[in-house]
């Protein structure tokens, strides 16, 4: 069974940066597609980024393009989300997710989830 642990969240001012990490265990990491999602109070969980096992397919929604970068280091069994130019509306609980096979935008596709790491952006 795959286990995921997020880290790197915190409090930053608008315009600042954070780097989130997602450490995976319990599976063959290169076989895992990984996604990042976020959820703010009263809102649905929304797609932030995804990446396939060999980093040949990467996808972002328009509202993070040019600001966020997803990557992975398969030798370290770790995925990353670099977030720059943060805005107050980026405030949310950020989750790492994984699934064997392809990466998709829908959160229902992902079988494995971390506990989340809080990102708070002050104005």
PDB file of N, CA and C in Angstrom:
ATOM      1  N   UNK A   1       0.834  -1.181   0.000  1.00  0.00           N
ATOM      2  CA  UNK A   1       0.000   0.000   0.000  1.00  0.00           C
ATOM      3  C   UNK A   1       0.881   1.247   0.000  1.00  0.00           C
ATOM      4  N   UNK A   2       0.537   2.200  -0.855  1.00  0.00           N
ATOM      5  CA  UNK A   2       1.305   3.432  -0.973  1.00  0.00           C
ATOM      6  C   UNK A   2       0.935   4.384   0.153  1.00  0.00           C
ATOM      7  N   UNK A   3       1.944   4.989   0.755  1.00  0.00           N
ATOM      8  CA  UNK A   3       1.740   6.015   1.762  1.00  0.00           C
ATOM      9  C   UNK A   3       2.424   7.301   1.319  1.00  0.00           C
ATOM     10  N   UNK A   4       1.758   8.420   1.541  1.00  0.00           N
ATOM     11  CA  UNK A   4       2.254   9.720   1.125  1.00  0.00           C
ATOM     12  C   UNK A   4       2.272  10.669   2.313  1.00  0.00           C
ATOM     13  N   UNK A   5       3.334  11.445   2.423  1.00  0.00           N
ATOM     14  CA  UNK A   5       3.464  12.427   3.490  1.00  0.00           C
ATOM     15  C   UNK A   5       3.888  13.753   2.889  1.00  0.00           C
ATOM     16  N   UNK A   6       3.046  14.782   3.052  1.00  0.00           N
ATOM     17  CA  UNK A   6       3.368  16.115   2.566  1.00  0.00           C
ATOM     18  C   UNK A   6       4.110  16.901   3.637  1.00  0.00           C
ATOM     19  N   UNK A   7       4.905  17.856   3.185  1.00  0.00           N
ATOM     20  CA  UNK A   7       5.570  18.783   4.083  1.00  0.00           C
ATOM     21  C   UNK A   7       5.879  20.061   3.321  1.00  0.00           C
ATOM     22  N   UNK A   8       6.238  21.102   4.045  1.00  0.00           N
ATOM     23  CA  UNK A   8       6.674  22.335   3.428  1.00  0.00           C
ATOM     24  C   UNK A   8       5.683  23.476   3.468  1.00  0.00           C
ATOM     25  N   UNK A   9       4.481  23.231   3.969  1.00  0.00           N
ATOM     26  CA  UNK A   9       3.515  24.304   4.076  1.00  0.00           C
ATOM     27  C   UNK A   9       3.898  25.296   5.154  1.00  0.00           C
ATOM     28  N   UNK A  10       3.195  26.409   5.173  1.00  0.00           N
ATOM     29  CA  UNK A  10       3.475  27.432   6.158  1.00  0.00           C
ATOM     30  C   UNK A  10       2.767  28.719   5.844  1.00  0.00           C
ATOM     31  N   UNK A  11       3.183  29.771   6.522  1.00  0.00           N
ATOM     32  CA  UNK A  11       2.620  31.102   6.359  1.00  0.00           C
ATOM     33  C   UNK A  11       3.602  31.981   5.608  1.00  0.00           C
ATOM     34  N   UNK A  12       3.136  32.575   4.519  1.00  0.00           N
ATOM     35  CA  UNK A  12       3.952  33.502   3.744  1.00  0.00           C
ATOM     36  C   UNK A  12       3.120  34.712   3.371  1.00  0.00           C
ATOM     37  N   UNK A  13       3.794  35.798   3.063  1.00  0.00           N
ATOM     38  CA  UNK A  13       3.108  36.983   2.580  1.00  0.00           C
ATOM     39  C   UNK A  13       2.895  36.894   1.074  1.00  0.00           C
ATOM     40  N   UNK A  14       1.918  37.629   0.590  1.00  0.00           N
ATOM     41  CA  UNK A  14       1.643  37.651  -0.843  1.00  0.00           C
ATOM     42  C   UNK A  14       2.913  37.981  -1.619  1.00  0.00           C
ATOM     43  N   UNK A  15       3.127  37.243  -2.697  1.00  0.00           N
ATOM     44  CA  UNK A  15       4.330  37.398  -3.498  1.00  0.00           C
ATOM     45  C   UNK A  15       5.455  36.471  -3.110  1.00  0.00           C
ATOM     46  N   UNK A  16       5.316  35.789  -1.996  1.00  0.00           N
ATOM     47  CA  UNK A  16       6.344  34.880  -1.524  1.00  0.00           C
ATOM     48  C   UNK A  16       6.276  33.521  -2.174  1.00  0.00           C
ATOM     49  N   UNK A  17       7.148  32.622  -1.708  1.00  0.00           N
ATOM     50  CA  UNK A  17       7.274  31.292  -2.295  1.00  0.00           C
ATOM     51  C   UNK A  17       7.306  30.219  -1.229  1.00  0.00           C
ATOM     52  N   UNK A  18       6.847  29.038  -1.605  1.00  0.00           N
ATOM     53  CA  UNK A  18       6.956  27.841  -0.789  1.00  0.00           C
ATOM     54  C   UNK A  18       7.256  26.659  -1.691  1.00  0.00           C
ATOM     55  N   UNK A  19       7.938  25.678  -1.155  1.00  0.00           N
ATOM     56  CA  UNK A  19       8.185  24.430  -1.856  1.00  0.00           C
ATOM     57  C   UNK A  19       7.607  23.292  -1.046  1.00  0.00           C
ATOM     58  N   UNK A  20       6.601  22.640  -1.592  1.00  0.00           N
ATOM     59  CA  UNK A  20       5.980  21.502  -0.939  1.00  0.00           C
ATOM     60  C   UNK A  20       6.653  20.214  -1.391  1.00  0.00           C
ATOM     61  N   UNK A  21       6.764  19.270  -0.480  1.00  0.00           N
ATOM     62  CA  UNK A  21       7.332  17.968  -0.784  1.00  0.00           C
ATOM     63  C   UNK A  21       6.319  16.878  -0.485  1.00  0.00           C
ATOM     64  N   UNK A  22       6.413  15.792  -1.221  1.00  0.00           N
ATOM     65  CA  UNK A  22       5.548  14.635  -1.030  1.00  0.00           C
ATOM     66  C   UNK A  22       6.416  13.393  -1.064  1.00  0.00           C
ATOM     67  N   UNK A  23       6.656  12.808   0.086  1.00  0.00           N
ATOM     68  CA  UNK A  23       7.476  11.610   0.196  1.00  0.00           C
ATOM     69  C   UNK A  23       6.596  10.374   0.108  1.00  0.00           C
ATOM     70  N   UNK A  24       6.962   9.454  -0.768  1.00  0.00           N
ATOM     71  CA  UNK A  24       6.179   8.253  -1.009  1.00  0.00           C
ATOM     72  C   UNK A  24       6.915   7.011  -0.523  1.00  0.00           C
ATOM     73  N   UNK A  25       6.137   6.044  -0.063  1.00  0.00           N
ATOM     74  CA  UNK A  25       6.681   4.754   0.324  1.00  0.00           C
ATOM     75  C   UNK A  25       5.643   3.679   0.051  1.00  0.00           C
ATOM     76  N   UNK A  26       6.085   2.433  -0.010  1.00  0.00           N
ATOM     77  CA  UNK A  26       5.162   1.318  -0.147  1.00  0.00           C
ATOM     78  C   UNK A  26       4.797   0.927  -1.568  1.00  0.00           C
ATOM     79  N   UNK A  27       5.462   1.486  -2.556  1.00  0.00           N
ATOM     80  CA  UNK A  27       5.183   1.161  -3.938  1.00  0.00           C
ATOM     81  C   UNK A  27       6.369   1.462  -4.836  1.00  0.00           C
ATOM     82  N   UNK A  28       6.236   1.112  -6.098  1.00  0.00           N
ATOM     83  CA  UNK A  28       7.253   1.444  -7.093  1.00  0.00           C
ATOM     84  C   UNK A  28       7.006   2.871  -7.560  1.00  0.00           C
ATOM     85  N   UNK A  29       7.875   3.780  -7.140  1.00  0.00           N
ATOM     86  CA  UNK A  29       7.601   5.196  -7.321  1.00  0.00           C
ATOM     87  C   UNK A  29       7.463   5.593  -8.781  1.00  0.00           C
ATOM     88  N   UNK A  30       8.284   5.029  -9.655  1.00  0.00           N
ATOM     89  CA  UNK A  30       8.229   5.401 -11.059  1.00  0.00           C
ATOM     90  C   UNK A  30       6.940   4.961 -11.736  1.00  0.00           C
ATOM     91  N   UNK A  31       6.204   4.042 -11.131  1.00  0.00           N
ATOM     92  CA  UNK A  31       4.926   3.606 -11.674  1.00  0.00           C
ATOM     93  C   UNK A  31       3.773   4.513 -11.262  1.00  0.00           C
ATOM     94  N   UNK A  32       4.039   5.455 -10.373  1.00  0.00           N
ATOM     95  CA  UNK A  32       3.001   6.310  -9.823  1.00  0.00           C
ATOM     96  C   UNK A  32       2.893   7.638 -10.558  1.00  0.00           C
ATOM     97  N   UNK A  33       1.699   7.943 -11.008  1.00  0.00           N
ATOM     98  CA  UNK A  33       1.381   9.307 -11.395  1.00  0.00           C
ATOM     99  C   UNK A  33       1.044  10.078 -10.128  1.00  0.00           C
ATOM    100  N   UNK A  34       1.450  11.333 -10.064  1.00  0.00           N
ATOM    101  CA  UNK A  34       1.234  12.131  -8.860  1.00  0.00           C
ATOM    102  C   UNK A  34       0.507  13.421  -9.196  1.00  0.00           C
ATOM    103  N   UNK A  35      -0.349  13.824  -8.290  1.00  0.00           N
ATOM    104  CA  UNK A  35      -1.084  15.063  -8.448  1.00  0.00           C
ATOM    105  C   UNK A  35      -1.068  15.868  -7.170  1.00  0.00           C
ATOM    106  N   UNK A  36      -1.244  17.157  -7.323  1.00  0.00           N
ATOM    107  CA  UNK A  36      -1.439  18.064  -6.202  1.00  0.00           C
ATOM    108  C   UNK A  36      -2.827  18.683  -6.308  1.00  0.00           C
ATOM    109  N   UNK A  37      -3.514  18.731  -5.180  1.00  0.00           N
ATOM    110  CA  UNK A  37      -4.846  19.308  -5.079  1.00  0.00           C
ATOM    111  C   UNK A  37      -4.893  20.216  -3.860  1.00  0.00           C
ATOM    112  N   UNK A  38      -5.846  21.110  -3.846  1.00  0.00           N
ATOM    113  CA  UNK A  38      -6.003  21.974  -2.682  1.00  0.00           C
ATOM    114  C   UNK A  38      -7.480  22.149  -2.362  1.00  0.00           C
ATOM    115  N   UNK A  39      -7.743  22.444  -1.105  1.00  0.00           N
ATOM    116  CA  UNK A  39      -9.117  22.635  -0.669  1.00  0.00           C
ATOM    117  C   UNK A  39      -9.165  23.714   0.405  1.00  0.00           C
ATOM    118  N   UNK A  40      -9.943  24.741   0.134  1.00  0.00           N
ATOM    119  CA  UNK A  40     -10.184  25.805   1.091  1.00  0.00           C
ATOM    120  C   UNK A  40     -11.525  25.565   1.768  1.00  0.00           C
ATOM    121  N   UNK A  41     -11.734  26.116   2.965  1.00  0.00           N
ATOM    122  CA  UNK A  41     -13.007  25.923   3.659  1.00  0.00           C
ATOM    123  C   UNK A  41     -14.193  26.350   2.807  1.00  0.00           C
ATOM    124  N   UNK A  42     -15.200  25.484   2.732  1.00  0.00           N
ATOM    125  CA  UNK A  42     -16.399  25.783   1.974  1.00  0.00           C
ATOM    126  C   UNK A  42     -16.286  25.601   0.478  1.00  0.00           C
ATOM    127  N   UNK A  43     -15.144  25.151  -0.011  1.00  0.00           N
ATOM    128  CA  UNK A  43     -14.945  24.958  -1.436  1.00  0.00           C
ATOM    129  C   UNK A  43     -14.630  23.501  -1.746  1.00  0.00           C
ATOM    130  N   UNK A  44     -14.866  23.133  -3.003  1.00  0.00           N
ATOM    131  CA  UNK A  44     -14.526  21.791  -3.445  1.00  0.00           C
ATOM    132  C   UNK A  44     -13.024  21.655  -3.623  1.00  0.00           C
ATOM    133  N   UNK A  45     -12.565  20.429  -3.543  1.00  0.00           N
ATOM    134  CA  UNK A  45     -11.167  20.157  -3.802  1.00  0.00           C
ATOM    135  C   UNK A  45     -10.867  20.443  -5.269  1.00  0.00           C
ATOM    136  N   UNK A  46      -9.797  21.192  -5.538  1.00  0.00           N
ATOM    137  CA  UNK A  46      -9.497  21.569  -6.905  1.00  0.00           C
ATOM    138  C   UNK A  46      -8.105  21.119  -7.337  1.00  0.00           C
ATOM    139  N   UNK A  47      -7.992  20.854  -8.603  1.00  0.00           N
ATOM    140  CA  UNK A  47      -6.760  20.388  -9.216  1.00  0.00           C
ATOM    141  C   UNK A  47      -5.740  21.507  -9.292  1.00  0.00           C
ATOM    142  N   UNK A  48      -4.500  21.197  -8.946  1.00  0.00           N
ATOM    143  CA  UNK A  48      -3.406  22.157  -8.979  1.00  0.00           C
ATOM    144  C   UNK A  48      -2.340  21.776 -10.005  1.00  0.00           C
ATOM    145  N   UNK A  49      -1.966  20.512 -10.055  1.00  0.00           N
ATOM    146  CA  UNK A  49      -0.931  20.050 -10.984  1.00  0.00           C
ATOM    147  C   UNK A  49      -0.881  18.536 -10.976  1.00  0.00           C
ATOM    148  N   UNK A  50      -0.397  17.940 -12.056  1.00  0.00           N
ATOM    149  CA  UNK A  50      -0.075  16.517 -12.035  1.00  0.00           C
ATOM    150  C   UNK A  50       1.115  16.223 -12.925  1.00  0.00           C
ATOM    151  N   UNK A  51       1.714  15.062 -12.683  1.00  0.00           N
ATOM    152  CA  UNK A  51       2.906  14.642 -13.399  1.00  0.00           C
ATOM    153  C   UNK A  51       2.906  13.124 -13.479  1.00  0.00           C
ATOM    154  N   UNK A  52       3.310  12.584 -14.614  1.00  0.00           N
ATOM    155  CA  UNK A  52       3.363  11.133 -14.737  1.00  0.00           C
ATOM    156  C   UNK A  52       4.698  10.601 -14.241  1.00  0.00           C
ATOM    157  N   UNK A  53       4.874   9.293 -14.304  1.00  0.00           N
ATOM    158  CA  UNK A  53       6.020   8.654 -13.670  1.00  0.00           C
ATOM    159  C   UNK A  53       7.371   9.090 -14.188  1.00  0.00           C
ATOM    160  N   UNK A  54       7.462   9.360 -15.497  1.00  0.00           N
ATOM    161  CA  UNK A  54       8.734   9.728 -16.115  1.00  0.00           C
ATOM    162  C   UNK A  54       8.832  11.215 -16.424  1.00  0.00           C
ATOM    163  N   UNK A  55       7.911  11.996 -15.923  1.00  0.00           N
ATOM    164  CA  UNK A  55       7.897  13.450 -16.108  1.00  0.00           C
ATOM    165  C   UNK A  55       7.752  13.858 -17.569  1.00  0.00           C
ATOM    166  N   UNK A  56       7.141  13.006 -18.376  1.00  0.00           N
ATOM    167  CA  UNK A  56       6.921  13.322 -19.778  1.00  0.00           C
ATOM    168  C   UNK A  56       5.594  14.020 -20.020  1.00  0.00           C
ATOM    169  N   UNK A  57       4.703  13.965 -19.050  1.00  0.00           N
ATOM    170  CA  UNK A  57       3.418  14.648 -19.143  1.00  0.00           C
ATOM    171  C   UNK A  57       3.217  15.450 -17.873  1.00  0.00           C
ATOM    172  N   UNK A  58       3.029  16.749 -18.020  1.00  0.00           N
ATOM    173  CA  UNK A  58       2.805  17.665 -16.906  1.00  0.00           C
ATOM    174  C   UNK A  58       1.633  18.548 -17.270  1.00  0.00           C
ATOM    175  N   UNK A  59       0.768  18.806 -16.305  1.00  0.00           N
ATOM    176  CA  UNK A  59      -0.431  19.575 -16.573  1.00  0.00           C
ATOM    177  C   UNK A  59      -0.734  20.495 -15.401  1.00  0.00           C
ATOM    178  N   UNK A  60      -1.251  21.691 -15.709  1.00  0.00           N
ATOM    179  CA  UNK A  60      -1.665  22.665 -14.714  1.00  0.00           C
ATOM    180  C   UNK A  60      -2.954  23.333 -15.160  1.00  0.00           C
ATOM    181  N   UNK A  61      -3.767  23.751 -14.223  1.00  0.00           N
ATOM    182  CA  UNK A  61      -4.875  24.631 -14.602  1.00  0.00           C
ATOM    183  C   UNK A  61      -4.350  26.039 -14.875  1.00  0.00           C
ATOM    184  N   UNK A  62      -5.149  26.841 -15.555  1.00  0.00           N
ATOM    185  CA  UNK A  62      -4.693  28.162 -15.962  1.00  0.00           C
ATOM    186  C   UNK A  62      -4.317  29.056 -14.788  1.00  0.00           C
ATOM    187  N   UNK A  63      -4.986  28.913 -13.666  1.00  0.00           N
ATOM    188  CA  UNK A  63      -4.756  29.863 -12.578  1.00  0.00           C
ATOM    189  C   UNK A  63      -3.425  29.690 -11.873  1.00  0.00           C
ATOM    190  N   UNK A  64      -2.682  28.617 -12.161  1.00  0.00           N
ATOM    191  CA  UNK A  64      -1.351  28.467 -11.568  1.00  0.00           C
ATOM    192  C   UNK A  64      -0.234  28.473 -12.604  1.00  0.00           C
ATOM    193  N   UNK A  65      -0.556  28.450 -13.877  1.00  0.00           N
ATOM    194  CA  UNK A  65       0.477  28.431 -14.913  1.00  0.00           C
ATOM    195  C   UNK A  65       1.371  29.664 -14.801  1.00  0.00           C
ATOM    196  N   UNK A  66       2.673  29.431 -14.865  1.00  0.00           N
ATOM    197  CA  UNK A  66       3.635  30.506 -14.726  1.00  0.00           C
ATOM    198  C   UNK A  66       4.023  30.801 -13.301  1.00  0.00           C
ATOM    199  N   UNK A  67       3.317  30.232 -12.336  1.00  0.00           N
ATOM    200  CA  UNK A  67       3.621  30.464 -10.925  1.00  0.00           C
ATOM    201  C   UNK A  67       4.054  29.186 -10.202  1.00  0.00           C
ATOM    202  N   UNK A  68       3.407  28.067 -10.511  1.00  0.00           N
ATOM    203  CA  UNK A  68       3.696  26.805  -9.837  1.00  0.00           C
ATOM    204  C   UNK A  68       4.426  25.862 -10.786  1.00  0.00           C
ATOM    205  N   UNK A  69       5.304  25.039 -10.220  1.00  0.00           N
ATOM    206  CA  UNK A  69       6.030  24.045 -10.996  1.00  0.00           C
ATOM    207  C   UNK A  69       6.011  22.713 -10.263  1.00  0.00           C
ATOM    208  N   UNK A  70       5.532  21.678 -10.927  1.00  0.00           N
ATOM    209  CA  UNK A  70       5.539  20.341 -10.351  1.00  0.00           C
ATOM    210  C   UNK A  70       6.760  19.587 -10.874  1.00  0.00           C
ATOM    211  N   UNK A  71       7.368  18.787 -10.021  1.00  0.00           N
ATOM    212  CA  UNK A  71       8.518  17.988 -10.409  1.00  0.00           C
ATOM    213  C   UNK A  71       8.599  16.763  -9.514  1.00  0.00           C
ATOM    214  N   UNK A  72       9.513  15.877  -9.841  1.00  0.00           N
ATOM    215  CA  UNK A  72       9.713  14.696  -9.006  1.00  0.00           C
ATOM    216  C   UNK A  72      11.147  14.232  -9.113  1.00  0.00           C
ATOM    217  N   UNK A  73      11.626  13.621  -8.048  1.00  0.00           N
ATOM    218  CA  UNK A  73      12.951  13.022  -8.002  1.00  0.00           C
ATOM    219  C   UNK A  73      12.736  11.553  -7.689  1.00  0.00           C
ATOM    220  N   UNK A  74      12.762  10.723  -8.723  1.00  0.00           N
ATOM    221  CA  UNK A  74      12.445   9.314  -8.534  1.00  0.00           C
ATOM    222  C   UNK A  74      13.486   8.584  -7.685  1.00  0.00           C
ATOM    223  N   UNK A  75      14.726   9.057  -7.706  1.00  0.00           N
ATOM    224  CA  UNK A  75      15.754   8.450  -6.872  1.00  0.00           C
ATOM    225  C   UNK A  75      15.481   8.665  -5.390  1.00  0.00           C
ATOM    226  N   UNK A  76      14.754   9.730  -5.057  1.00  0.00           N
ATOM    227  CA  UNK A  76      14.414  10.039  -3.675  1.00  0.00           C
ATOM    228  C   UNK A  76      12.975   9.681  -3.325  1.00  0.00           C
ATOM    229  N   UNK A  77      12.235   9.119  -4.269  1.00  0.00           N
ATOM    230  CA  UNK A  77      10.826   8.771  -4.060  1.00  0.00           C
ATOM    231  C   UNK A  77      10.019   9.971  -3.559  1.00  0.00           C
ATOM    232  N   UNK A  78      10.277  11.115  -4.142  1.00  0.00           N
ATOM    233  CA  UNK A  78       9.678  12.353  -3.664  1.00  0.00           C
ATOM    234  C   UNK A  78       9.186  13.214  -4.813  1.00  0.00           C
ATOM    235  N   UNK A  79       8.008  13.774  -4.650  1.00  0.00           N
ATOM    236  CA  UNK A  79       7.473  14.753  -5.568  1.00  0.00           C
ATOM    237  C   UNK A  79       7.504  16.128  -4.937  1.00  0.00           C
ATOM    238  N   UNK A  80       7.466  17.158  -5.783  1.00  0.00           N
ATOM    239  CA  UNK A  80       7.582  18.531  -5.305  1.00  0.00           C
ATOM    240  C   UNK A  80       6.576  19.432  -6.004  1.00  0.00           C
ATOM    241  N   UNK A  81       6.202  20.482  -5.315  1.00  0.00           N
ATOM    242  CA  UNK A  81       5.432  21.560  -5.912  1.00  0.00           C
ATOM    243  C   UNK A  81       6.065  22.876  -5.481  1.00  0.00           C
ATOM    244  N   UNK A  82       6.716  23.537  -6.421  1.00  0.00           N
ATOM    245  CA  UNK A  82       7.295  24.850  -6.169  1.00  0.00           C
ATOM    246  C   UNK A  82       6.241  25.903  -6.465  1.00  0.00           C
ATOM    247  N   UNK A  83       5.953  26.733  -5.491  1.00  0.00           N
ATOM    248  CA  UNK A  83       4.922  27.752  -5.623  1.00  0.00           C
ATOM    249  C   UNK A  83       5.555  29.125  -5.467  1.00  0.00           C
ATOM    250  N   UNK A  84       5.480  29.919  -6.510  1.00  0.00           N
ATOM    251  CA  UNK A  84       6.004  31.273  -6.509  1.00  0.00           C
ATOM    252  C   UNK A  84       4.872  32.269  -6.707  1.00  0.00           C
ATOM    253  N   UNK A  85       5.154  33.520  -6.409  1.00  0.00           N
ATOM    254  CA  UNK A  85       4.176  34.597  -6.587  1.00  0.00           C
ATOM    255  C   UNK A  85       2.840  34.250  -5.947  1.00  0.00           C
ATOM    256  N   UNK A  86       2.890  33.787  -4.726  1.00  0.00           N
ATOM    257  CA  UNK A  86       1.684  33.331  -4.049  1.00  0.00           C
ATOM    258  C   UNK A  86       0.713  34.475  -3.796  1.00  0.00           C
ATOM    259  N   UNK A  87      -0.562  34.139  -3.884  1.00  0.00           N
ATOM    260  CA  UNK A  87      -1.649  35.082  -3.693  1.00  0.00           C
ATOM    261  C   UNK A  87      -2.503  34.637  -2.514  1.00  0.00           C
ATOM    262  N   UNK A  88      -3.212  35.566  -1.873  1.00  0.00           N
ATOM    263  CA  UNK A  88      -4.090  35.155  -0.776  1.00  0.00           C
ATOM    264  C   UNK A  88      -5.084  34.071  -1.166  1.00  0.00           C
ATOM    265  N   UNK A  89      -5.565  34.080  -2.400  1.00  0.00           N
ATOM    266  CA  UNK A  89      -6.506  33.064  -2.841  1.00  0.00           C
ATOM    267  C   UNK A  89      -5.889  31.679  -2.989  1.00  0.00           C
ATOM    268  N   UNK A  90      -4.561  31.578  -2.865  1.00  0.00           N
ATOM    269  CA  UNK A  90      -3.899  30.279  -2.849  1.00  0.00           C
ATOM    270  C   UNK A  90      -3.992  29.605  -1.486  1.00  0.00           C
ATOM    271  N   UNK A  91      -4.479  30.311  -0.491  1.00  0.00           N
ATOM    272  CA  UNK A  91      -4.601  29.755   0.851  1.00  0.00           C
ATOM    273  C   UNK A  91      -5.525  28.543   0.842  1.00  0.00           C
ATOM    274  N   UNK A  92      -5.014  27.411   1.316  1.00  0.00           N
ATOM    275  CA  UNK A  92      -5.777  26.166   1.304  1.00  0.00           C
ATOM    276  C   UNK A  92      -4.948  25.073   1.963  1.00  0.00           C
ATOM    277  N   UNK A  93      -5.593  23.950   2.188  1.00  0.00           N
ATOM    278  CA  UNK A  93      -4.893  22.739   2.571  1.00  0.00           C
ATOM    279  C   UNK A  93      -4.487  22.027   1.286  1.00  0.00           C
ATOM    280  N   UNK A  94      -3.208  21.783   1.129  1.00  0.00           N
ATOM    281  CA  UNK A  94      -2.682  21.181  -0.090  1.00  0.00           C
ATOM    282  C   UNK A  94      -2.412  19.700   0.128  1.00  0.00           C
ATOM    283  N   UNK A  95      -2.913  18.895  -0.804  1.00  0.00           N
ATOM    284  CA  UNK A  95      -2.781  17.447  -0.726  1.00  0.00           C
ATOM    285  C   UNK A  95      -1.962  16.908  -1.884  1.00  0.00           C
ATOM    286  N   UNK A  96      -1.125  15.959  -1.591  1.00  0.00           N
ATOM    287  CA  UNK A  96      -0.462  15.151  -2.598  1.00  0.00           C
ATOM    288  C   UNK A  96      -1.278  13.883  -2.804  1.00  0.00           C
ATOM    289  N   UNK A  97      -1.398  13.443  -4.051  1.00  0.00           N
ATOM    290  CA  UNK A  97      -2.137  12.234  -4.372  1.00  0.00           C
ATOM    291  C   UNK A  97      -1.355  11.408  -5.382  1.00  0.00           C
ATOM    292  N   UNK A  98      -1.630  10.104  -5.419  1.00  0.00           N
ATOM    293  CA  UNK A  98      -0.926   9.219  -6.335  1.00  0.00           C
ATOM    294  C   UNK A  98      -1.852   8.126  -6.829  1.00  0.00           C
ATOM    295  N   UNK A  99      -1.567   7.655  -8.041  1.00  0.00           N
ATOM    296  CA  UNK A  99      -2.290   6.543  -8.638  1.00  0.00           C
ATOM    297  C   UNK A  99      -1.360   5.807  -9.583  1.00  0.00           C
ATOM    298  N   UNK A 100      -1.542   4.520  -9.696  1.00  0.00           N
ATOM    299  CA  UNK A 100      -0.766   3.760 -10.669  1.00  0.00           C
ATOM    300  C   UNK A 100      -1.299   4.015 -12.060  1.00  0.00           C
ATOM    301  N   UNK A 101      -0.397   4.305 -12.986  1.00  0.00           N
ATOM    302  CA  UNK A 101      -0.779   4.528 -14.367  1.00  0.00           C
ATOM    303  C   UNK A 101      -0.750   5.992 -14.745  1.00  0.00           C
ATOM    304  N   UNK A 102      -1.760   6.417 -15.483  1.00  0.00           N
ATOM    305  CA  UNK A 102      -1.802   7.767 -16.012  1.00  0.00           C
ATOM    306  C   UNK A 102      -2.174   8.775 -14.942  1.00  0.00           C
ATOM    307  N   UNK A 103      -1.877  10.032 -15.226  1.00  0.00           N
ATOM    308  CA  UNK A 103      -2.289  11.135 -14.376  1.00  0.00           C
ATOM    309  C   UNK A 103      -3.532  11.779 -14.959  1.00  0.00           C
ATOM    310  N   UNK A 104      -4.459  12.164 -14.086  1.00  0.00           N
ATOM    311  CA  UNK A 104      -5.691  12.809 -14.498  1.00  0.00           C
ATOM    312  C   UNK A 104      -5.977  14.001 -13.605  1.00  0.00           C
ATOM    313  N   UNK A 105      -6.851  14.879 -14.082  1.00  0.00           N
ATOM    314  CA  UNK A 105      -7.217  16.059 -13.318  1.00  0.00           C
ATOM    315  C   UNK A 105      -8.234  15.785 -12.225  1.00  0.00           C
ATOM    316  N   UNK A 106      -9.018  14.754 -12.388  1.00  0.00           N
ATOM    317  CA  UNK A 106     -10.080  14.469 -11.425  1.00  0.00           C
ATOM    318  C   UNK A 106      -9.522  13.886 -10.138  1.00  0.00           C
ATOM    319  N   UNK A 107      -9.876  14.439  -8.977  1.00  0.00           N
ATOM    320  CA  UNK A 107      -9.407  13.859  -7.725  1.00  0.00           C
ATOM    321  C   UNK A 107      -9.919  12.458  -7.469  1.00  0.00           C
ATOM    322  N   UNK A 108     -11.044  12.088  -8.083  1.00  0.00           N
ATOM    323  CA  UNK A 108     -11.601  10.760  -7.866  1.00  0.00           C
ATOM    324  C   UNK A 108     -10.750   9.663  -8.476  1.00  0.00           C
ATOM    325  N   UNK A 109      -9.831  10.014  -9.356  1.00  0.00           N
ATOM    326  CA  UNK A 109      -8.946   9.040  -9.979  1.00  0.00           C
ATOM    327  C   UNK A 109      -7.890   8.522  -8.996  1.00  0.00           C
ATOM    328  N   UNK A 110      -7.522   9.305  -8.030  1.00  0.00           N
ATOM    329  CA  UNK A 110      -6.381   8.985  -7.183  1.00  0.00           C
ATOM    330  C   UNK A 110      -6.773   8.129  -5.994  1.00  0.00           C
ATOM    331  N   UNK A 111      -6.065   7.047  -5.836  1.00  0.00           N
ATOM    332  CA  UNK A 111      -6.355   6.109  -4.758  1.00  0.00           C
ATOM    333  C   UNK A 111      -5.663   6.486  -3.458  1.00  0.00           C
ATOM    334  N   UNK A 112      -4.484   7.084  -3.562  1.00  0.00           N
ATOM    335  CA  UNK A 112      -3.667   7.340  -2.383  1.00  0.00           C
ATOM    336  C   UNK A 112      -3.533   8.834  -2.136  1.00  0.00           C
ATOM    337  N   UNK A 113      -3.665   9.213  -0.884  1.00  0.00           N
ATOM    338  CA  UNK A 113      -3.643  10.619  -0.485  1.00  0.00           C
ATOM    339  C   UNK A 113      -2.812  10.829   0.773  1.00  0.00           C
ATOM    340  N   UNK A 114      -2.111  11.944   0.817  1.00  0.00           N
ATOM    341  CA  UNK A 114      -1.456  12.352   2.036  1.00  0.00           C
ATOM    342  C   UNK A 114      -2.431  13.046   2.974  1.00  0.00           C
ATOM    343  N   UNK A 115      -1.938  13.447   4.130  1.00  0.00           N
ATOM    344  CA  UNK A 115      -2.774  14.098   5.134  1.00  0.00           C
ATOM    345  C   UNK A 115      -2.981  15.584   4.875  1.00  0.00           C
ATOM    346  N   UNK A 116      -2.182  16.160   4.009  1.00  0.00           N
ATOM    347  CA  UNK A 116      -2.309  17.563   3.681  1.00  0.00           C
ATOM    348  C   UNK A 116      -1.336  18.434   4.444  1.00  0.00           C
ATOM    349  N   UNK A 117      -0.975  19.549   3.844  1.00  0.00           N
ATOM    350  CA  UNK A 117      -0.142  20.544   4.494  1.00  0.00           C
ATOM    351  C   UNK A 117      -0.749  21.919   4.241  1.00  0.00           C
ATOM    352  N   UNK A 118      -0.854  22.715   5.288  1.00  0.00           N
ATOM    353  CA  UNK A 118      -1.547  23.991   5.200  1.00  0.00           C
ATOM    354  C   UNK A 118      -0.652  25.061   4.596  1.00  0.00           C
ATOM    355  N   UNK A 119      -1.193  25.778   3.623  1.00  0.00           N
ATOM    356  CA  UNK A 119      -0.537  26.939   3.037  1.00  0.00           C
ATOM    357  C   UNK A 119      -1.422  28.145   3.300  1.00  0.00           C
ATOM    358  N   UNK A 120      -0.862  29.146   3.947  1.00  0.00           N
ATOM    359  CA  UNK A 120      -1.593  30.367   4.243  1.00  0.00           C
ATOM    360  C   UNK A 120      -0.815  31.551   3.682  1.00  0.00           C
ATOM    361  N   UNK A 121      -1.474  32.341   2.855  1.00  0.00           N
ATOM    362  CA  UNK A 121      -0.852  33.498   2.221  1.00  0.00           C
ATOM    363  C   UNK A 121      -1.550  34.749   2.728  1.00  0.00           C
ATOM    364  N   UNK A 122      -0.819  35.601   3.398  1.00  0.00           N
ATOM    365  CA  UNK A 122      -1.380  36.818   3.958  1.00  0.00           C
ATOM    366  C   UNK A 122      -1.292  37.959   2.955  1.00  0.00           C
ATOM    367  N   UNK A 123      -2.207  38.901   3.079  1.00  0.00           N
ATOM    368  CA  UNK A 123      -2.238  40.052   2.195  1.00  0.00           C
ATOM    369  C   UNK A 123      -1.520  41.237   2.809  1.00  0.00           C
TER     370      UNK A 123
END
